[in-house]
Amino acid sequence: MSDSLYFAHVTDIHISERESQGDPSASLAACLMRECITHLNALPDLDFVLITGDVMDVAGVAERDAFLEILDTLRKPWHFVPGNHDGFIDPFHPNALKPHEAVARIDPRLADPVPAAQKACWSRSVSPGVQLIALDTRIADDWAGEVEPAQLDWLREQIEAHQDAVIIIATHHPLHQLGPHNNRGRLHKFICSNGAEVEAVLDQYPNVKLVISGHHHTNHLSLVNNDNGQRLRVVTSALGDYSCSHRAIRLEKREAGWRVCIQTHQTDDVDMLQTMRRRAATTGIAREFDPNNLAAWATFCEGRPHDLNYDGYLR
């Protein structure tokens, strides 16, 4: 395989039409995406950009077209994993695009089969000896996630077929709990309901080194150790919501193992960041996360210091 792979992870952009509904922060998502792409275009050795879903908010035509217009300025290869906001049927948004109208237009590679929930999974070689496998964790018309049995079987087949490659798994929903709050109320919908079952499959294969997710709107890193080796779980905060972040990830082959270097990049616009932080404290999720401290949700989304950057070896 190649000795080095360098890519970016961008997730939960949430290009939104909600400004017309009284949310002045909604238009900032487009600004944050433009700023992010400017940064990514300036990285000369970046191999690709991985986008793990929720690029839209209410799945309106204007949102889809605005996202595609900005995406067209990206001068790097990119890969897309759809999220629960990327097309749905919702009585409160009767004009929302259906998944096949949104996903297939965003990424024509996902047009066949029709990209209904659980169907937009894919497996691609992104560098000699590196396989990127995307799982479709969407549930039809819900924001919870799971991996159904047929897709889990497909995952096993893909890993078996690429045992000589380093494998990176991409999902919208994280496979693991990020804290005890994931057992409370609606907050369980931030993670894949059968993530433990999926991870049990991954445990069998030492060549699965990274699992990269979004959806939870937080920066979180955790290391899995088992008899077959190690893998790193990477959950990245929302670009279009607080804490307005994206990551750059480098994977290098060394004698000591696989060296993984992760850097988290946050918007340089202090006013925009403060607006998004104030908004985070007004959400229903903030009240459910900690009703006695609404700012705790924004702090959680930022991530702990060791969730922001990583430099270590995976055996």
C-alpha atoms as a PDB file:
ATOM      1  CA  MET A   1       0.000   0.000   0.000  1.00  0.00           C
ATOM      2  CA  SER A   2       1.009   3.628  -0.144  1.00  0.00           C
ATOM      3  CA  ASP A   3       3.037   4.799   2.846  1.00  0.00           C
ATOM      4  CA  SER A   4       0.807   7.797   3.606  1.00  0.00           C
ATOM      5  CA  LEU A   5      -2.801   8.870   3.218  1.00  0.00           C
ATOM      6  CA  TYR A   6      -4.024  12.384   4.041  1.00  0.00           C
ATOM      7  CA  PHE A   7      -7.705  13.284   4.038  1.00  0.00           C
ATOM      8  CA  ALA A   8     -10.248  15.584   5.652  1.00  0.00           C
ATOM      9  CA  HIS A   9     -13.428  14.754   7.510  1.00  0.00           C
ATOM     10  CA  VAL A  10     -16.348  17.180   7.193  1.00  0.00           C
ATOM     11  CA  THR A  11     -19.779  16.415   8.587  1.00  0.00           C
ATOM     12  CA  ASP A  12     -23.176  17.886   9.511  1.00  0.00           C
ATOM     13  CA  ILE A  13     -22.966  21.068   7.463  1.00  0.00           C
ATOM     14  CA  HIS A  14     -26.722  21.685   7.709  1.00  0.00           C
ATOM     15  CA  ILE A  15     -27.127  24.183   4.896  1.00  0.00           C
ATOM     16  CA  SER A  16     -30.454  25.661   5.965  1.00  0.00           C
ATOM     17  CA  GLU A  17     -33.499  27.591   4.811  1.00  0.00           C
ATOM     18  CA  ARG A  18     -34.512  28.337   8.399  1.00  0.00           C
ATOM     19  CA  GLU A  19     -33.329  31.960   8.333  1.00  0.00           C
ATOM     20  CA  SER A  20     -36.691  32.821   6.784  1.00  0.00           C
ATOM     21  CA  GLN A  21     -38.256  31.212   9.876  1.00  0.00           C
ATOM     22  CA  GLY A  22     -36.490  33.558  12.285  1.00  0.00           C
ATOM     23  CA  ASP A  23     -33.198  31.743  12.865  1.00  0.00           C
ATOM     24  CA  PRO A  24     -30.466  34.263  11.951  1.00  0.00           C
ATOM     25  CA  SER A  25     -27.713  31.677  12.472  1.00  0.00           C
ATOM     26  CA  ALA A  26     -29.051  29.477   9.678  1.00  0.00           C
ATOM     27  CA  SER A  27     -27.243  31.370   6.917  1.00  0.00           C
ATOM     28  CA  LEU A  28     -23.915  30.904   8.704  1.00  0.00           C
ATOM     29  CA  ALA A  29     -23.684  27.251   7.639  1.00  0.00           C
ATOM     30  CA  ALA A  30     -23.006  28.288   4.038  1.00  0.00           C
ATOM     31  CA  CYS A  31     -20.329  30.734   5.215  1.00  0.00           C
ATOM     32  CA  LEU A  32     -18.697  28.023   7.307  1.00  0.00           C
ATOM     33  CA  MET A  33     -18.697  25.615   4.375  1.00  0.00           C
ATOM     34  CA  ARG A  34     -17.052  28.184   2.094  1.00  0.00           C
ATOM     35  CA  GLU A  35     -14.398  28.890   4.704  1.00  0.00           C
ATOM     36  CA  CYS A  36     -13.766  25.174   5.183  1.00  0.00           C
ATOM     37  CA  ILE A  37     -13.365  24.539   1.451  1.00  0.00           C
ATOM     38  CA  THR A  38     -10.938  27.444   1.148  1.00  0.00           C
ATOM     39  CA  HIS A  39      -8.820  25.789   3.830  1.00  0.00           C
ATOM     40  CA  LEU A  40      -9.024  22.344   2.225  1.00  0.00           C
ATOM     41  CA  ASN A  41      -8.146  23.656  -1.226  1.00  0.00           C
ATOM     42  CA  ALA A  42      -4.985  25.165   0.248  1.00  0.00           C
ATOM     43  CA  LEU A  43      -3.693  21.769   1.439  1.00  0.00           C
ATOM     44  CA  PRO A  44      -1.508  20.636  -1.490  1.00  0.00           C
ATOM     45  CA  ASP A  45      -1.147  16.990  -0.456  1.00  0.00           C
ATOM     46  CA  LEU A  46      -4.734  16.330   0.606  1.00  0.00           C
ATOM     47  CA  ASP A  47      -5.912  13.103  -1.054  1.00  0.00           C
ATOM     48  CA  PHE A  48      -9.666  13.469  -0.587  1.00  0.00           C
ATOM     49  CA  VAL A  49     -12.491  14.843   1.554  1.00  0.00           C
ATOM     50  CA  LEU A  50     -14.911  12.545   3.391  1.00  0.00           C
ATOM     51  CA  ILE A  51     -18.368  14.058   4.013  1.00  0.00           C
ATOM     52  CA  THR A  52     -20.472  11.988   6.415  1.00  0.00           C
ATOM     53  CA  GLY A  53     -23.918  13.401   5.902  1.00  0.00           C
ATOM     54  CA  ASP A  54     -26.494  15.934   7.019  1.00  0.00           C
ATOM     55  CA  VAL A  55     -25.323  18.409   4.423  1.00  0.00           C
ATOM     56  CA  MET A  56     -28.885  19.816   4.405  1.00  0.00           C
ATOM     57  CA  ASP A  57     -31.270  20.744   7.191  1.00  0.00           C
ATOM     58  CA  VAL A  58     -34.915  20.453   6.108  1.00  0.00           C
ATOM     59  CA  ALA A  59     -34.065  18.873   2.739  1.00  0.00           C
ATOM     60  CA  GLY A  60     -35.325  21.756   0.656  1.00  0.00           C
ATOM     61  CA  VAL A  61     -34.422  22.238  -2.994  1.00  0.00           C
ATOM     62  CA  ALA A  62     -32.704  25.531  -2.181  1.00  0.00           C
ATOM     63  CA  GLU A  63     -30.571  23.789   0.454  1.00  0.00           C
ATOM     64  CA  ARG A  64     -29.505  21.050  -1.926  1.00  0.00           C
ATOM     65  CA  ASP A  65     -28.658  23.485  -4.691  1.00  0.00           C
ATOM     66  CA  ALA A  66     -26.762  25.816  -2.346  1.00  0.00           C
ATOM     67  CA  PHE A  67     -24.715  22.890  -1.042  1.00  0.00           C
ATOM     68  CA  LEU A  68     -23.865  21.729  -4.564  1.00  0.00           C
ATOM     69  CA  GLU A  69     -22.921  25.247  -5.653  1.00  0.00           C
ATOM     70  CA  ILE A  70     -20.427  25.558  -2.806  1.00  0.00           C
ATOM     71  CA  LEU A  71     -19.204  21.964  -3.199  1.00  0.00           C
ATOM     72  CA  ASP A  72     -18.381  22.749  -6.818  1.00  0.00           C
ATOM     73  CA  THR A  73     -15.569  25.007  -5.559  1.00  0.00           C
ATOM     74  CA  LEU A  74     -13.820  22.075  -3.862  1.00  0.00           C
ATOM     75  CA  ARG A  75     -10.736  21.137  -5.883  1.00  0.00           C
ATOM     76  CA  LYS A  76     -10.181  17.762  -4.192  1.00  0.00           C
ATOM     77  CA  PRO A  77     -11.783  14.348  -4.726  1.00  0.00           C
ATOM     78  CA  TRP A  78     -14.644  13.761  -2.303  1.00  0.00           C
ATOM     79  CA  HIS A  79     -16.797  10.943  -0.959  1.00  0.00           C
ATOM     80  CA  PHE A  80     -20.273  11.264   0.521  1.00  0.00           C
ATOM     81  CA  VAL A  81     -22.175   9.228   3.122  1.00  0.00           C
ATOM     82  CA  PRO A  82     -25.806  10.384   3.461  1.00  0.00           C
ATOM     83  CA  GLY A  83     -27.281  11.418   6.793  1.00  0.00           C
ATOM     84  CA  ASN A  84     -30.816  11.487   8.147  1.00  0.00           C
ATOM     85  CA  HIS A  85     -31.360  15.124   7.052  1.00  0.00           C
ATOM     86  CA  ASP A  86     -30.432  14.403   3.439  1.00  0.00           C
ATOM     87  CA  GLY A  87     -33.962  13.709   2.198  1.00  0.00           C
ATOM     88  CA  PHE A  88     -36.948  12.543   4.234  1.00  0.00           C
ATOM     89  CA  ILE A  89     -40.748  12.468   4.463  1.00  0.00           C
ATOM     90  CA  ASP A  90     -41.918  14.832   7.186  1.00  0.00           C
ATOM     91  CA  PRO A  91     -45.458  16.203   7.657  1.00  0.00           C
ATOM     92  CA  PHE A  92     -43.945  19.429   9.001  1.00  0.00           C
ATOM     93  CA  HIS A  93     -41.913  19.827   5.786  1.00  0.00           C
ATOM     94  CA  PRO A  94     -44.198  18.604   2.997  1.00  0.00           C
ATOM     95  CA  ASN A  95     -41.937  20.091   0.333  1.00  0.00           C
ATOM     96  CA  ALA A  96     -38.848  18.241   1.545  1.00  0.00           C
ATOM     97  CA  LEU A  97     -36.926  16.256  -1.030  1.00  0.00           C
ATOM     98  CA  LYS A  98     -37.178  12.485  -0.811  1.00  0.00           C
ATOM     99  CA  PRO A  99     -33.876  10.619  -0.331  1.00  0.00           C
ATOM    100  CA  HIS A 100     -33.640   9.632  -3.994  1.00  0.00           C
ATOM    101  CA  GLU A 101     -34.199  13.255  -5.008  1.00  0.00           C
ATOM    102  CA  ALA A 102     -31.529  14.559  -2.673  1.00  0.00           C
ATOM    103  CA  VAL A 103     -28.848  11.868  -2.390  1.00  0.00           C
ATOM    104  CA  ALA A 104     -28.694  10.890  -6.057  1.00  0.00           C
ATOM    105  CA  ARG A 105     -28.414  14.542  -7.091  1.00  0.00           C
ATOM    106  CA  ILE A 106     -25.677  15.246  -4.549  1.00  0.00           C
ATOM    107  CA  ASP A 107     -23.673  12.175  -5.548  1.00  0.00           C
ATOM    108  CA  PRO A 108     -24.695  10.456  -8.809  1.00  0.00           C
ATOM    109  CA  ARG A 109     -22.537   7.481  -7.783  1.00  0.00           C
ATOM    110  CA  LEU A 110     -25.333   6.666  -5.307  1.00  0.00           C
ATOM    111  CA  ALA A 111     -28.202   6.765  -7.800  1.00  0.00           C
ATOM    112  CA  ASP A 112     -28.314   2.982  -8.329  1.00  0.00           C
ATOM    113  CA  PRO A 113     -29.707   1.271  -6.364  1.00  0.00           C
ATOM    114  CA  VAL A 114     -32.243   3.895  -5.308  1.00  0.00           C
ATOM    115  CA  PRO A 115     -30.648   5.403  -2.168  1.00  0.00           C
ATOM    116  CA  ALA A 116     -33.376   4.600   0.333  1.00  0.00           C
ATOM    117  CA  ALA A 117     -32.309   4.097   3.937  1.00  0.00           C
ATOM    118  CA  GLN A 118     -29.758   1.256   4.342  1.00  0.00           C
ATOM    119  CA  LYS A 119     -29.156   1.138   0.564  1.00  0.00           C
ATOM    120  CA  ALA A 120     -26.529   3.870   0.057  1.00  0.00           C
ATOM    121  CA  CYS A 121     -23.577   1.838   1.319  1.00  0.00           C
ATOM    122  CA  TRP A 122     -20.439   1.566  -0.806  1.00  0.00           C
ATOM    123  CA  SER A 123     -16.844   0.327  -0.853  1.00  0.00           C
ATOM    124  CA  ARG A 124     -14.035   2.090  -2.734  1.00  0.00           C
ATOM    125  CA  SER A 125     -10.276   1.969  -3.024  1.00  0.00           C
ATOM    126  CA  VAL A 126      -9.033   5.454  -2.106  1.00  0.00           C
ATOM    127  CA  SER A 127      -5.316   4.689  -2.369  1.00  0.00           C
ATOM    128  CA  PRO A 128      -3.258   1.585  -3.175  1.00  0.00           C
ATOM    129  CA  GLY A 129      -3.960  -0.808  -0.299  1.00  0.00           C
ATOM    130  CA  VAL A 130      -6.554   1.413   1.421  1.00  0.00           C
ATOM    131  CA  GLN A 131     -10.271   0.595   1.263  1.00  0.00           C
ATOM    132  CA  LEU A 132     -12.934   3.061   2.394  1.00  0.00           C
ATOM    133  CA  ILE A 133     -16.202   1.332   3.322  1.00  0.00           C
ATOM    134  CA  ALA A 134     -19.313   3.441   3.939  1.00  0.00           C
ATOM    135  CA  LEU A 135     -22.248   2.110   5.929  1.00  0.00           C
ATOM    136  CA  ASP A 136     -25.706   3.600   5.500  1.00  0.00           C
ATOM    137  CA  THR A 137     -27.008   3.908   9.058  1.00  0.00           C
ATOM    138  CA  ARG A 138     -30.166   5.823   8.156  1.00  0.00           C
ATOM    139  CA  ILE A 139     -33.615   4.684   9.286  1.00  0.00           C
ATOM    140  CA  ALA A 140     -36.474   5.806   7.063  1.00  0.00           C
ATOM    141  CA  ASP A 141     -37.966   9.073   8.346  1.00  0.00           C
ATOM    142  CA  ASP A 142     -36.230   9.035  11.709  1.00  0.00           C
ATOM    143  CA  TRP A 143     -33.001  10.502  13.048  1.00  0.00           C
ATOM    144  CA  ALA A 144     -31.990   7.334  14.853  1.00  0.00           C
ATOM    145  CA  GLY A 145     -29.563   4.899  13.227  1.00  0.00           C
ATOM    146  CA  GLU A 146     -28.918   1.200  12.776  1.00  0.00           C
ATOM    147  CA  VAL A 147     -27.267  -1.299  10.441  1.00  0.00           C
ATOM    148  CA  GLU A 148     -29.786  -3.877   9.256  1.00  0.00           C
ATOM    149  CA  PRO A 149     -28.804  -7.573   8.917  1.00  0.00           C
ATOM    150  CA  ALA A 150     -28.453  -7.498   5.111  1.00  0.00           C
ATOM    151  CA  GLN A 151     -26.052  -4.574   5.271  1.00  0.00           C
ATOM    152  CA  LEU A 152     -24.104  -6.200   8.096  1.00  0.00           C
ATOM    153  CA  ASP A 153     -23.659  -9.291   5.916  1.00  0.00           C
ATOM    154  CA  TRP A 154     -22.494  -7.041   3.083  1.00  0.00           C
ATOM    155  CA  LEU A 155     -19.960  -5.432   5.464  1.00  0.00           C
ATOM    156  CA  ARG A 156     -18.501  -8.826   6.355  1.00  0.00           C
ATOM    157  CA  GLU A 157     -18.185  -9.673   2.664  1.00  0.00           C
ATOM    158  CA  GLN A 158     -16.405  -6.409   1.926  1.00  0.00           C
ATOM    159  CA  ILE A 159     -13.915  -6.797   4.758  1.00  0.00           C
ATOM    160  CA  GLU A 160     -13.230 -10.402   3.802  1.00  0.00           C
ATOM    161  CA  ALA A 161     -12.599  -9.311   0.212  1.00  0.00           C
ATOM    162  CA  HIS A 162     -10.048  -6.691   1.307  1.00  0.00           C
ATOM    163  CA  GLN A 163      -8.082  -8.391   4.070  1.00  0.00           C
ATOM    164  CA  ASP A 164      -4.817  -7.264   2.483  1.00  0.00           C
ATOM    165  CA  ALA A 165      -5.852  -3.600   2.696  1.00  0.00           C
ATOM    166  CA  VAL A 166      -6.091  -1.112   5.513  1.00  0.00           C
ATOM    167  CA  ILE A 167      -9.798  -0.465   6.004  1.00  0.00           C
ATOM    168  CA  ILE A 168     -11.464   2.787   7.036  1.00  0.00           C
ATOM    169  CA  ILE A 169     -15.158   2.606   7.983  1.00  0.00           C
ATOM    170  CA  ALA A 170     -17.341   5.686   7.467  1.00  0.00           C
ATOM    171  CA  THR A 171     -20.805   6.108   9.004  1.00  0.00           C
ATOM    172  CA  HIS A 172     -23.181   8.934   9.763  1.00  0.00           C
ATOM    173  CA  HIS A 173     -24.199   7.651  13.205  1.00  0.00           C
ATOM    174  CA  PRO A 174     -21.413   6.667  15.639  1.00  0.00           C
ATOM    175  CA  LEU A 175     -21.364   2.984  16.483  1.00  0.00           C
ATOM    176  CA  HIS A 176     -20.584   3.493  20.177  1.00  0.00           C
ATOM    177  CA  GLN A 177     -21.926   5.473  23.117  1.00  0.00           C
ATOM    178  CA  LEU A 178     -20.166   8.762  23.778  1.00  0.00           C
ATOM    179  CA  GLY A 179     -21.423   9.015  27.333  1.00  0.00           C
ATOM    180  CA  PRO A 180     -24.181   7.958  29.759  1.00  0.00           C
ATOM    181  CA  HIS A 181     -26.504  10.546  28.207  1.00  0.00           C
ATOM    182  CA  ASN A 182     -26.913   8.181  25.233  1.00  0.00           C
ATOM    183  CA  ASN A 183     -29.117   6.029  27.474  1.00  0.00           C
ATOM    184  CA  ARG A 184     -31.559   8.880  28.187  1.00  0.00           C
ATOM    185  CA  GLY A 185     -34.675   9.889  26.269  1.00  0.00           C
ATOM    186  CA  ARG A 186     -34.120  10.943  22.667  1.00  0.00           C
ATOM    187  CA  LEU A 187     -30.357  11.104  23.140  1.00  0.00           C
ATOM    188  CA  HIS A 188     -30.043   7.410  22.287  1.00  0.00           C
ATOM    189  CA  LYS A 189     -30.777   8.455  18.698  1.00  0.00           C
ATOM    190  CA  PHE A 190     -27.352  10.035  18.476  1.00  0.00           C
ATOM    191  CA  ILE A 191     -25.792   6.575  18.123  1.00  0.00           C
ATOM    192  CA  CYS A 192     -26.387   3.448  16.056  1.00  0.00           C
ATOM    193  CA  SER A 193     -28.837   1.233  17.957  1.00  0.00           C
ATOM    194  CA  ASN A 194     -26.943  -1.983  17.142  1.00  0.00           C
ATOM    195  CA  GLY A 195     -23.499  -0.423  17.073  1.00  0.00           C
ATOM    196  CA  ALA A 196     -22.136  -3.017  19.492  1.00  0.00           C
ATOM    197  CA  GLU A 197     -23.079  -5.755  17.039  1.00  0.00           C
ATOM    198  CA  VAL A 198     -21.324  -3.932  14.201  1.00  0.00           C
ATOM    199  CA  GLU A 199     -18.238  -3.361  16.326  1.00  0.00           C
ATOM    200  CA  ALA A 200     -18.167  -7.066  17.228  1.00  0.00           C
ATOM    201  CA  VAL A 201     -17.741  -7.749  13.507  1.00  0.00           C
ATOM    202  CA  LEU A 202     -14.971  -5.147  13.228  1.00  0.00           C
ATOM    203  CA  ASP A 203     -13.200  -6.704  16.218  1.00  0.00           C
ATOM    204  CA  GLN A 204     -12.526  -9.796  14.121  1.00  0.00           C
ATOM    205  CA  TYR A 205     -10.355  -7.931  11.613  1.00  0.00           C
ATOM    206  CA  PRO A 206      -7.035  -6.322  12.576  1.00  0.00           C
ATOM    207  CA  ASN A 207      -6.888  -4.345   9.326  1.00  0.00           C
ATOM    208  CA  VAL A 208      -9.882  -2.154  10.289  1.00  0.00           C
ATOM    209  CA  LYS A 209      -8.014   0.839  11.688  1.00  0.00           C
ATOM    210  CA  LEU A 210     -10.401   3.813  11.662  1.00  0.00           C
ATOM    211  CA  VAL A 211     -14.142   4.283  12.171  1.00  0.00           C
ATOM    212  CA  ILE A 212     -15.212   7.831  11.268  1.00  0.00           C
ATOM    213  CA  SER A 213     -18.628   9.304  12.098  1.00  0.00           C
ATOM    214  CA  GLY A 214     -20.648  12.486  12.527  1.00  0.00           C
ATOM    215  CA  HIS A 215     -24.290  13.036  13.622  1.00  0.00           C
ATOM    216  CA  HIS A 216     -23.576  13.577  17.340  1.00  0.00           C
ATOM    217  CA  HIS A 217     -22.280  17.147  16.735  1.00  0.00           C
ATOM    218  CA  THR A 218     -19.286  16.627  18.993  1.00  0.00           C
ATOM    219  CA  ASN A 219     -15.546  16.023  18.810  1.00  0.00           C
ATOM    220  CA  HIS A 220     -14.738  12.674  20.385  1.00  0.00           C
ATOM    221  CA  LEU A 221     -11.815  10.248  20.025  1.00  0.00           C
ATOM    222  CA  SER A 222     -11.575   6.790  21.577  1.00  0.00           C
ATOM    223  CA  LEU A 223      -9.258   3.831  21.085  1.00  0.00           C
ATOM    224  CA  VAL A 224     -10.478   0.235  20.830  1.00  0.00           C
ATOM    225  CA  ASN A 225      -8.074  -2.461  22.043  1.00  0.00           C
ATOM    226  CA  ASN A 226      -8.705  -6.134  21.402  1.00  0.00           C
ATOM    227  CA  ASP A 227      -6.785  -9.342  20.721  1.00  0.00           C
ATOM    228  CA  ASN A 228      -6.601  -8.516  17.010  1.00  0.00           C
ATOM    229  CA  GLY A 229      -5.096  -5.058  17.424  1.00  0.00           C
ATOM    230  CA  GLN A 230      -6.338  -1.510  17.739  1.00  0.00           C
ATOM    231  CA  ARG A 231      -8.612   0.879  15.902  1.00  0.00           C
ATOM    232  CA  LEU A 232      -9.461   4.499  16.469  1.00  0.00           C
ATOM    233  CA  ARG A 233     -13.009   5.851  16.606  1.00  0.00           C
ATOM    234  CA  VAL A 234     -13.205   9.390  15.253  1.00  0.00           C
ATOM    235  CA  VAL A 235     -16.391  11.404  15.775  1.00  0.00           C
ATOM    236  CA  THR A 236     -16.244  14.950  14.411  1.00  0.00           C
ATOM    237  CA  SER A 237     -18.285  17.964  15.431  1.00  0.00           C
ATOM    238  CA  ALA A 238     -20.755  19.631  13.082  1.00  0.00           C
ATOM    239  CA  LEU A 239     -19.312  22.126  10.654  1.00  0.00           C
ATOM    240  CA  GLY A 240     -22.601  24.021  10.414  1.00  0.00           C
ATOM    241  CA  ASP A 241     -23.379  24.017  14.129  1.00  0.00           C
ATOM    242  CA  TYR A 242     -21.314  24.544  17.238  1.00  0.00           C
ATOM    243  CA  SER A 243     -18.354  23.828  17.455  1.00  0.00           C
ATOM    244  CA  CYS A 244     -17.972  24.543  13.701  1.00  0.00           C
ATOM    245  CA  SER A 245     -15.121  22.083  13.169  1.00  0.00           C
ATOM    246  CA  HIS A 246     -13.594  19.771  10.603  1.00  0.00           C
ATOM    247  CA  ARG A 247     -10.605  17.458  10.830  1.00  0.00           C
ATOM    248  CA  ALA A 248      -7.499  16.624   8.851  1.00  0.00           C
ATOM    249  CA  ILE A 249      -6.341  13.009   9.249  1.00  0.00           C
ATOM    250  CA  ARG A 250      -3.040  11.480   8.181  1.00  0.00           C
ATOM    251  CA  LEU A 251      -2.390   7.727   8.195  1.00  0.00           C
ATOM    252  CA  GLU A 252       1.236   6.605   7.775  1.00  0.00           C
ATOM    253  CA  LYS A 253       2.877   3.196   7.610  1.00  0.00           C
ATOM    254  CA  ARG A 254       5.790   2.955  10.068  1.00  0.00           C
ATOM    255  CA  GLU A 255       7.865   0.146  11.552  1.00  0.00           C
ATOM    256  CA  ALA A 256       6.124   0.625  14.914  1.00  0.00           C
ATOM    257  CA  GLY A 257       2.679   0.291  13.349  1.00  0.00           C
ATOM    258  CA  TRP A 258       0.213   2.669  11.754  1.00  0.00           C
ATOM    259  CA  ARG A 259       0.781   6.236  12.823  1.00  0.00           C
ATOM    260  CA  VAL A 260      -2.387   8.329  12.926  1.00  0.00           C
ATOM    261  CA  CYS A 261      -2.200  12.117  13.172  1.00  0.00           C
ATOM    262  CA  ILE A 262      -5.415  14.097  13.598  1.00  0.00           C
ATOM    263  CA  GLN A 263      -5.781  17.876  13.692  1.00  0.00           C
ATOM    264  CA  THR A 264      -9.072  19.626  14.402  1.00  0.00           C
ATOM    265  CA  HIS A 265      -9.696  22.936  12.661  1.00  0.00           C
ATOM    266  CA  GLN A 266     -12.289  25.395  13.936  1.00  0.00           C
ATOM    267  CA  THR A 267     -13.565  28.504  12.220  1.00  0.00           C
ATOM    268  CA  ASP A 268     -11.411  31.604  12.681  1.00  0.00           C
ATOM    269  CA  ASP A 269     -14.494  33.827  12.764  1.00  0.00           C
ATOM    270  CA  VAL A 270     -14.936  34.555  16.475  1.00  0.00           C
ATOM    271  CA  ASP A 271     -18.277  36.308  16.053  1.00  0.00           C
ATOM    272  CA  MET A 272     -19.683  33.392  14.059  1.00  0.00           C
ATOM    273  CA  LEU A 273     -18.428  30.923  16.643  1.00  0.00           C
ATOM    274  CA  GLN A 274     -19.997  32.856  19.518  1.00  0.00           C
ATOM    275  CA  THR A 275     -23.309  33.065  17.655  1.00  0.00           C
ATOM    276  CA  MET A 276     -23.312  29.311  17.148  1.00  0.00           C
ATOM    277  CA  ARG A 277     -22.392  28.684  20.789  1.00  0.00           C
ATOM    278  CA  ARG A 278     -25.252  30.865  22.029  1.00  0.00           C
ATOM    279  CA  ARG A 279     -27.621  29.086  19.682  1.00  0.00           C
ATOM    280  CA  ALA A 280     -26.492  25.658  20.949  1.00  0.00           C
ATOM    281  CA  ALA A 281     -27.628  26.567  24.468  1.00  0.00           C
ATOM    282  CA  THR A 282     -31.174  27.334  23.267  1.00  0.00           C
ATOM    283  CA  THR A 283     -31.908  23.938  21.751  1.00  0.00           C
ATOM    284  CA  GLY A 284     -34.087  21.171  23.107  1.00  0.00           C
ATOM    285  CA  ILE A 285     -31.068  18.889  23.006  1.00  0.00           C
ATOM    286  CA  ALA A 286     -29.214  21.231  25.395  1.00  0.00           C
ATOM    287  CA  ARG A 287     -32.130  21.020  27.843  1.00  0.00           C
ATOM    288  CA  GLU A 288     -32.193  17.229  27.622  1.00  0.00           C
ATOM    289  CA  PHE A 289     -28.424  16.917  27.965  1.00  0.00           C
ATOM    290  CA  ASP A 290     -28.305  18.973  31.180  1.00  0.00           C
ATOM    291  CA  PRO A 291     -31.438  20.918  32.195  1.00  0.00           C
ATOM    292  CA  ASN A 292     -29.499  22.638  34.985  1.00  0.00           C
ATOM    293  CA  ASN A 293     -26.676  23.876  32.770  1.00  0.00           C
ATOM    294  CA  LEU A 294     -27.666  24.632  29.182  1.00  0.00           C
ATOM    295  CA  ALA A 295     -24.102  25.628  28.297  1.00  0.00           C
ATOM    296  CA  ALA A 296     -22.938  22.073  29.066  1.00  0.00           C
ATOM    297  CA  TRP A 297     -24.098  20.863  25.653  1.00  0.00           C
ATOM    298  CA  ALA A 298     -21.858  23.339  23.820  1.00  0.00           C
ATOM    299  CA  THR A 299     -18.938  22.350  26.032  1.00  0.00           C
ATOM    300  CA  PHE A 300     -19.572  18.698  25.221  1.00  0.00           C
ATOM    301  CA  CYS A 301     -19.714  19.506  21.504  1.00  0.00           C
ATOM    302  CA  GLU A 302     -16.294  21.182  21.698  1.00  0.00           C
ATOM    303  CA  GLY A 303     -14.781  17.953  22.989  1.00  0.00           C
ATOM    304  CA  ARG A 304     -12.179  17.432  25.677  1.00  0.00           C
ATOM    305  CA  PRO A 305      -8.595  18.545  24.926  1.00  0.00           C
ATOM    306  CA  HIS A 306      -7.580  14.997  24.004  1.00  0.00           C
ATOM    307  CA  ASP A 307     -10.562  14.743  21.616  1.00  0.00           C
ATOM    308  CA  LEU A 308      -9.204  17.485  19.361  1.00  0.00           C
ATOM    309  CA  ASN A 309      -5.796  16.249  18.262  1.00  0.00           C
ATOM    310  CA  TYR A 310      -4.137  12.846  18.148  1.00  0.00           C
ATOM    311  CA  ASP A 311      -0.693  11.555  17.303  1.00  0.00           C
ATOM    312  CA  GLY A 312      -0.129   7.893  18.007  1.00  0.00           C
ATOM    313  CA  TYR A 313       0.457   4.405  16.675  1.00  0.00           C
ATOM    314  CA  LEU A 314      -2.071   1.636  16.102  1.00  0.00           C
ATOM    315  CA  ARG A 315      -0.695  -1.891  16.341  1.00  0.00           C
END
